[in-house]
């Protein structure tokens, strides 16, 4: 069987941009915030209560997630509610969970990434 390449290798800038995008999901605190927002809009106080993170930590990570386009903010009187910017963010998480169910052992045993 002969392998035929049908598309060019990804360009360096495109790969770098994808890596930057996935950093939003790669930080445990940001991922906890994203998970908290899966159920719908929440205020900073609600996210703090759900995640156990400090208010300043949540605010800093929300700013990062907002700048990256993964989260949007909406002012409601004195409060600001945050929500996922697109339903595809939830789809990415669902797909990751499905893949992780099959690859969990390998991910858990991987020594190349320090996650503890």
N, C-alpha and C. Protein backbone atom coordinates (compact mmCIF):
# COMPACT_ATOMS: atom_id res chain seq x y z
N UNK A 1 0.85 -1.18 0.00
CA UNK A 1 0.00 0.00 0.00
C UNK A 1 0.89 1.24 0.00
N UNK A 2 0.62 2.14 -0.91
CA UNK A 2 1.42 3.35 -1.03
C UNK A 2 0.68 4.51 -0.36
N UNK A 3 1.43 5.28 0.44
CA UNK A 3 0.87 6.45 1.12
C UNK A 3 0.97 7.65 0.20
N UNK A 4 -0.15 8.32 -0.02
CA UNK A 4 -0.19 9.50 -0.86
C UNK A 4 -0.64 10.67 0.01
N UNK A 5 0.20 11.69 0.06
CA UNK A 5 -0.14 12.87 0.84
C UNK A 5 -1.09 13.74 0.02
N UNK A 6 -2.27 14.02 0.58
CA UNK A 6 -3.27 14.78 -0.16
C UNK A 6 -3.31 16.24 0.24
N UNK A 7 -2.68 16.60 1.36
CA UNK A 7 -2.67 18.01 1.75
C UNK A 7 -1.28 18.38 2.24
N UNK A 8 -0.91 19.64 2.10
CA UNK A 8 0.42 20.05 2.55
C UNK A 8 0.54 19.99 4.06
N UNK A 9 1.76 19.94 4.53
CA UNK A 9 1.99 19.98 5.96
C UNK A 9 1.46 21.30 6.51
N UNK A 10 0.97 21.29 7.76
CA UNK A 10 0.46 22.54 8.33
C UNK A 10 1.56 23.58 8.44
N UNK A 11 1.20 24.83 8.19
CA UNK A 11 2.20 25.89 8.27
C UNK A 11 2.52 26.17 9.74
N UNK A 12 3.68 26.70 9.99
CA UNK A 12 4.15 26.97 11.34
C UNK A 12 3.23 27.92 12.09
N UNK A 13 2.77 28.96 11.43
CA UNK A 13 1.89 29.94 12.08
C UNK A 13 0.56 29.30 12.47
N UNK A 14 0.04 28.44 11.60
CA UNK A 14 -1.22 27.76 11.91
C UNK A 14 -1.10 26.83 13.10
N UNK A 15 0.00 26.11 13.16
CA UNK A 15 0.24 25.20 14.29
C UNK A 15 0.41 26.01 15.58
N UNK A 16 1.14 27.10 15.51
CA UNK A 16 1.35 27.95 16.69
C UNK A 16 0.03 28.52 17.20
N UNK A 17 -0.84 28.91 16.27
CA UNK A 17 -2.13 29.46 16.65
C UNK A 17 -3.00 28.40 17.32
N UNK A 18 -2.98 27.19 16.79
CA UNK A 18 -3.74 26.10 17.41
C UNK A 18 -3.20 25.78 18.80
N UNK A 19 -1.89 25.79 18.96
CA UNK A 19 -1.28 25.53 20.27
C UNK A 19 -1.71 26.60 21.26
N UNK A 20 -1.73 27.84 20.82
CA UNK A 20 -2.15 28.95 21.68
C UNK A 20 -3.62 28.77 22.07
N UNK A 21 -4.46 28.38 21.12
CA UNK A 21 -5.88 28.13 21.39
C UNK A 21 -6.05 27.06 22.47
N UNK A 22 -5.30 25.96 22.36
CA UNK A 22 -5.45 24.87 23.30
C UNK A 22 -4.88 25.18 24.68
N UNK A 23 -4.05 26.22 24.79
CA UNK A 23 -3.58 26.64 26.11
C UNK A 23 -4.74 27.09 26.99
N UNK A 24 -5.79 27.60 26.38
CA UNK A 24 -6.98 27.97 27.14
C UNK A 24 -7.58 26.79 27.86
N UNK A 25 -7.47 25.63 27.26
CA UNK A 25 -7.98 24.41 27.87
C UNK A 25 -6.91 23.71 28.72
N UNK A 26 -5.65 24.08 28.54
CA UNK A 26 -4.54 23.37 29.15
C UNK A 26 -4.25 23.72 30.59
N UNK A 27 -4.70 24.87 31.05
CA UNK A 27 -4.46 25.27 32.44
C UNK A 27 -5.58 24.71 33.31
N UNK A 28 -5.26 24.00 34.39
CA UNK A 28 -6.31 23.40 35.23
C UNK A 28 -7.33 24.41 35.76
N UNK A 29 -6.89 25.60 36.15
CA UNK A 29 -7.83 26.60 36.67
C UNK A 29 -8.77 27.07 35.57
N UNK A 30 -8.23 27.35 34.39
CA UNK A 30 -9.08 27.79 33.28
C UNK A 30 -10.05 26.68 32.88
N UNK A 31 -9.58 25.45 32.88
CA UNK A 31 -10.46 24.34 32.53
C UNK A 31 -11.58 24.18 33.55
N UNK A 32 -11.28 24.39 34.83
CA UNK A 32 -12.32 24.32 35.86
C UNK A 32 -13.37 25.40 35.63
N UNK A 33 -12.93 26.58 35.23
CA UNK A 33 -13.86 27.68 34.95
C UNK A 33 -14.71 27.33 33.73
N UNK A 34 -14.09 26.83 32.68
CA UNK A 34 -14.83 26.44 31.48
C UNK A 34 -15.86 25.38 31.83
N UNK A 35 -15.46 24.40 32.64
CA UNK A 35 -16.39 23.35 33.07
C UNK A 35 -17.56 23.95 33.85
N UNK A 36 -17.29 24.92 34.70
CA UNK A 36 -18.35 25.56 35.48
C UNK A 36 -19.34 26.29 34.57
N UNK A 37 -18.87 26.77 33.43
CA UNK A 37 -19.72 27.52 32.51
C UNK A 37 -20.47 26.62 31.53
N UNK A 38 -20.21 25.34 31.56
CA UNK A 38 -20.92 24.42 30.65
C UNK A 38 -22.42 24.41 30.91
N UNK A 39 -22.80 24.63 32.16
CA UNK A 39 -24.22 24.59 32.53
C UNK A 39 -24.95 25.88 32.21
N UNK A 40 -24.20 26.93 31.88
CA UNK A 40 -24.84 28.20 31.54
C UNK A 40 -24.11 29.37 32.16
N UNK A 41 -24.65 30.58 31.97
CA UNK A 41 -24.00 31.80 32.45
C UNK A 41 -23.85 31.79 33.98
N UNK A 42 -22.74 32.36 34.43
CA UNK A 42 -22.47 32.46 35.86
C UNK A 42 -21.72 33.75 36.15
N UNK A 43 -21.90 34.27 37.37
CA UNK A 43 -21.14 35.42 37.82
C UNK A 43 -19.80 34.95 38.37
N UNK A 44 -18.90 35.89 38.60
CA UNK A 44 -17.60 35.55 39.19
C UNK A 44 -17.81 34.87 40.54
N UNK A 45 -18.72 35.40 41.35
CA UNK A 45 -18.98 34.81 42.67
C UNK A 45 -19.44 33.36 42.57
N UNK A 46 -20.30 33.08 41.61
CA UNK A 46 -20.77 31.70 41.42
C UNK A 46 -19.63 30.80 40.97
N UNK A 47 -18.78 31.31 40.08
CA UNK A 47 -17.64 30.51 39.61
C UNK A 47 -16.67 30.25 40.76
N UNK A 48 -16.45 31.25 41.60
CA UNK A 48 -15.58 31.08 42.77
C UNK A 48 -16.13 29.98 43.66
N UNK A 49 -17.43 30.01 43.90
CA UNK A 49 -18.06 29.00 44.77
C UNK A 49 -17.95 27.60 44.18
N UNK A 50 -18.17 27.47 42.89
CA UNK A 50 -18.13 26.16 42.23
C UNK A 50 -16.71 25.61 42.16
N UNK A 51 -15.75 26.46 41.81
CA UNK A 51 -14.38 25.99 41.56
C UNK A 51 -13.50 25.96 42.80
N UNK A 52 -13.83 26.80 43.80
CA UNK A 52 -12.96 26.90 44.97
C UNK A 52 -11.74 27.77 44.73
N UNK A 53 -11.66 28.41 43.58
CA UNK A 53 -10.55 29.31 43.27
C UNK A 53 -10.82 30.66 43.91
N UNK A 54 -9.78 31.46 44.09
CA UNK A 54 -9.97 32.79 44.65
C UNK A 54 -10.63 33.71 43.62
N UNK A 55 -11.24 34.79 44.11
CA UNK A 55 -11.91 35.73 43.23
C UNK A 55 -10.92 36.36 42.24
N UNK A 56 -9.75 36.72 42.72
CA UNK A 56 -8.78 37.35 41.82
C UNK A 56 -8.28 36.35 40.77
N UNK A 57 -8.09 35.10 41.18
CA UNK A 57 -7.66 34.06 40.23
C UNK A 57 -8.72 33.85 39.15
N UNK A 58 -9.98 33.74 39.57
CA UNK A 58 -11.07 33.56 38.61
C UNK A 58 -11.14 34.75 37.66
N UNK A 59 -11.06 35.96 38.20
CA UNK A 59 -11.14 37.15 37.35
C UNK A 59 -10.01 37.20 36.33
N UNK A 60 -8.80 36.87 36.76
CA UNK A 60 -7.65 36.87 35.84
C UNK A 60 -7.82 35.83 34.74
N UNK A 61 -8.27 34.63 35.11
CA UNK A 61 -8.45 33.58 34.11
C UNK A 61 -9.62 33.91 33.17
N UNK A 62 -10.68 34.51 33.71
CA UNK A 62 -11.80 34.91 32.85
C UNK A 62 -11.35 35.95 31.83
N UNK A 63 -10.49 36.87 32.24
CA UNK A 63 -9.97 37.87 31.30
C UNK A 63 -9.20 37.18 30.18
N UNK A 64 -8.39 36.20 30.53
CA UNK A 64 -7.63 35.43 29.54
C UNK A 64 -8.58 34.70 28.59
N UNK A 65 -9.56 34.01 29.16
CA UNK A 65 -10.51 33.26 28.34
C UNK A 65 -11.34 34.18 27.46
N UNK A 66 -11.66 35.35 27.96
CA UNK A 66 -12.42 36.33 27.17
C UNK A 66 -11.55 36.85 26.03
N UNK A 67 -10.29 37.18 26.33
CA UNK A 67 -9.37 37.66 25.29
C UNK A 67 -9.16 36.62 24.19
N UNK A 68 -9.17 35.35 24.56
CA UNK A 68 -8.98 34.26 23.60
C UNK A 68 -10.26 33.93 22.83
N UNK A 69 -11.38 34.50 23.25
CA UNK A 69 -12.63 34.26 22.55
C UNK A 69 -13.38 33.02 22.98
N UNK A 70 -12.98 32.41 24.10
CA UNK A 70 -13.68 31.21 24.57
C UNK A 70 -14.86 31.55 25.48
N UNK A 71 -14.84 32.75 26.05
CA UNK A 71 -15.86 33.20 26.99
C UNK A 71 -16.30 34.60 26.60
N UNK A 72 -17.58 34.89 26.81
CA UNK A 72 -18.09 36.25 26.61
C UNK A 72 -18.71 36.73 27.92
N UNK A 73 -18.73 38.04 28.10
CA UNK A 73 -19.27 38.65 29.31
C UNK A 73 -20.47 39.52 28.96
N UNK A 74 -21.44 39.55 29.88
CA UNK A 74 -22.62 40.40 29.70
C UNK A 74 -22.97 41.03 31.03
N UNK A 75 -23.08 42.35 31.03
CA UNK A 75 -23.42 43.08 32.25
C UNK A 75 -24.92 43.00 32.50
N UNK A 76 -25.27 42.66 33.74
CA UNK A 76 -26.67 42.62 34.19
C UNK A 76 -26.76 43.45 35.48
N UNK A 77 -26.97 44.75 35.32
CA UNK A 77 -27.00 45.63 36.50
C UNK A 77 -25.61 45.72 37.12
N UNK A 78 -25.51 45.36 38.41
CA UNK A 78 -24.23 45.41 39.11
C UNK A 78 -23.33 44.23 38.78
N UNK A 79 -23.90 43.19 38.23
CA UNK A 79 -23.16 41.95 38.02
C UNK A 79 -22.80 41.74 36.56
N UNK A 80 -21.74 40.98 36.36
CA UNK A 80 -21.34 40.57 35.02
C UNK A 80 -21.45 39.06 34.97
N UNK A 81 -22.18 38.57 33.99
CA UNK A 81 -22.31 37.13 33.79
C UNK A 81 -21.37 36.70 32.68
N UNK A 82 -20.77 35.56 32.87
CA UNK A 82 -19.87 34.98 31.87
C UNK A 82 -20.48 33.70 31.35
N UNK A 83 -20.27 33.47 30.06
CA UNK A 83 -20.73 32.22 29.47
C UNK A 83 -19.78 31.82 28.35
N UNK A 84 -19.85 30.57 27.97
CA UNK A 84 -19.03 30.09 26.86
C UNK A 84 -19.46 30.83 25.59
N UNK A 85 -18.51 31.18 24.78
CA UNK A 85 -18.77 32.00 23.60
C UNK A 85 -19.48 31.25 22.48
N UNK A 86 -19.38 29.94 22.49
CA UNK A 86 -19.86 29.15 21.37
C UNK A 86 -20.16 27.74 21.86
N UNK A 87 -21.21 27.14 21.37
CA UNK A 87 -21.55 25.78 21.78
C UNK A 87 -20.48 24.77 21.38
N UNK A 88 -19.62 25.15 20.43
CA UNK A 88 -18.54 24.23 20.02
C UNK A 88 -17.49 24.06 21.12
N UNK A 89 -17.42 25.01 22.06
CA UNK A 89 -16.52 24.83 23.20
C UNK A 89 -16.97 23.61 24.00
N UNK A 90 -18.27 23.51 24.24
CA UNK A 90 -18.82 22.34 24.93
C UNK A 90 -18.60 21.08 24.10
N UNK A 91 -18.73 21.19 22.79
CA UNK A 91 -18.51 20.03 21.92
C UNK A 91 -17.06 19.55 22.00
N UNK A 92 -16.11 20.48 22.08
CA UNK A 92 -14.70 20.11 22.23
C UNK A 92 -14.49 19.36 23.54
N UNK A 93 -15.11 19.85 24.62
CA UNK A 93 -14.98 19.17 25.91
C UNK A 93 -15.60 17.77 25.87
N UNK A 94 -16.74 17.66 25.25
CA UNK A 94 -17.41 16.36 25.14
C UNK A 94 -16.57 15.38 24.33
N UNK A 95 -16.01 15.85 23.23
CA UNK A 95 -15.14 15.01 22.40
C UNK A 95 -13.89 14.60 23.18
N UNK A 96 -13.32 15.55 23.94
CA UNK A 96 -12.13 15.25 24.74
C UNK A 96 -12.45 14.18 25.78
N UNK A 97 -13.62 14.27 26.40
CA UNK A 97 -14.02 13.26 27.40
C UNK A 97 -14.18 11.90 26.76
N UNK A 98 -14.73 11.86 25.58
CA UNK A 98 -14.91 10.60 24.86
C UNK A 98 -13.56 9.99 24.50
N UNK A 99 -12.67 10.79 23.98
CA UNK A 99 -11.33 10.31 23.64
C UNK A 99 -10.56 9.89 24.88
N UNK A 100 -10.69 10.67 25.94
CA UNK A 100 -10.00 10.35 27.19
C UNK A 100 -10.48 9.04 27.78
N UNK A 101 -11.75 8.72 27.60
CA UNK A 101 -12.27 7.45 28.10
C UNK A 101 -11.51 6.28 27.49
N UNK A 102 -11.08 6.43 26.24
CA UNK A 102 -10.34 5.37 25.56
C UNK A 102 -8.83 5.45 25.80
N UNK A 103 -8.34 6.65 26.09
CA UNK A 103 -6.89 6.84 26.21
C UNK A 103 -6.44 7.18 27.62
N UNK A 104 -7.34 7.05 28.59
CA UNK A 104 -7.05 7.51 29.96
C UNK A 104 -5.79 6.87 30.55
N UNK A 105 -5.61 5.59 30.34
CA UNK A 105 -4.44 4.93 30.92
C UNK A 105 -3.14 5.52 30.38
N UNK A 106 -3.07 5.70 29.08
CA UNK A 106 -1.88 6.28 28.48
C UNK A 106 -1.63 7.70 28.95
N UNK A 107 -2.69 8.49 29.06
CA UNK A 107 -2.55 9.86 29.52
C UNK A 107 -2.09 9.87 30.97
N UNK A 108 -2.70 9.02 31.80
CA UNK A 108 -2.34 8.96 33.22
C UNK A 108 -0.88 8.55 33.40
N UNK A 109 -0.41 7.60 32.60
CA UNK A 109 0.94 7.08 32.74
C UNK A 109 2.00 7.91 32.01
N UNK A 110 1.59 8.88 31.23
CA UNK A 110 2.53 9.72 30.49
C UNK A 110 3.43 10.48 31.45
N UNK A 111 4.72 10.36 31.25
CA UNK A 111 5.68 11.04 32.13
C UNK A 111 6.23 12.30 31.46
N UNK A 112 5.83 12.59 30.28
CA UNK A 112 6.36 13.75 29.55
C UNK A 112 5.71 15.07 29.97
N UNK A 113 4.53 15.01 30.53
CA UNK A 113 3.84 16.21 30.98
C UNK A 113 3.61 16.11 32.48
N UNK A 114 4.04 17.12 33.20
CA UNK A 114 3.81 17.15 34.65
C UNK A 114 2.46 17.79 34.91
N UNK A 115 1.52 17.04 35.45
CA UNK A 115 0.17 17.58 35.66
C UNK A 115 -0.26 17.49 37.11
N UNK A 116 0.55 17.02 37.97
CA UNK A 116 0.13 16.89 39.38
C UNK A 116 0.51 18.08 40.16
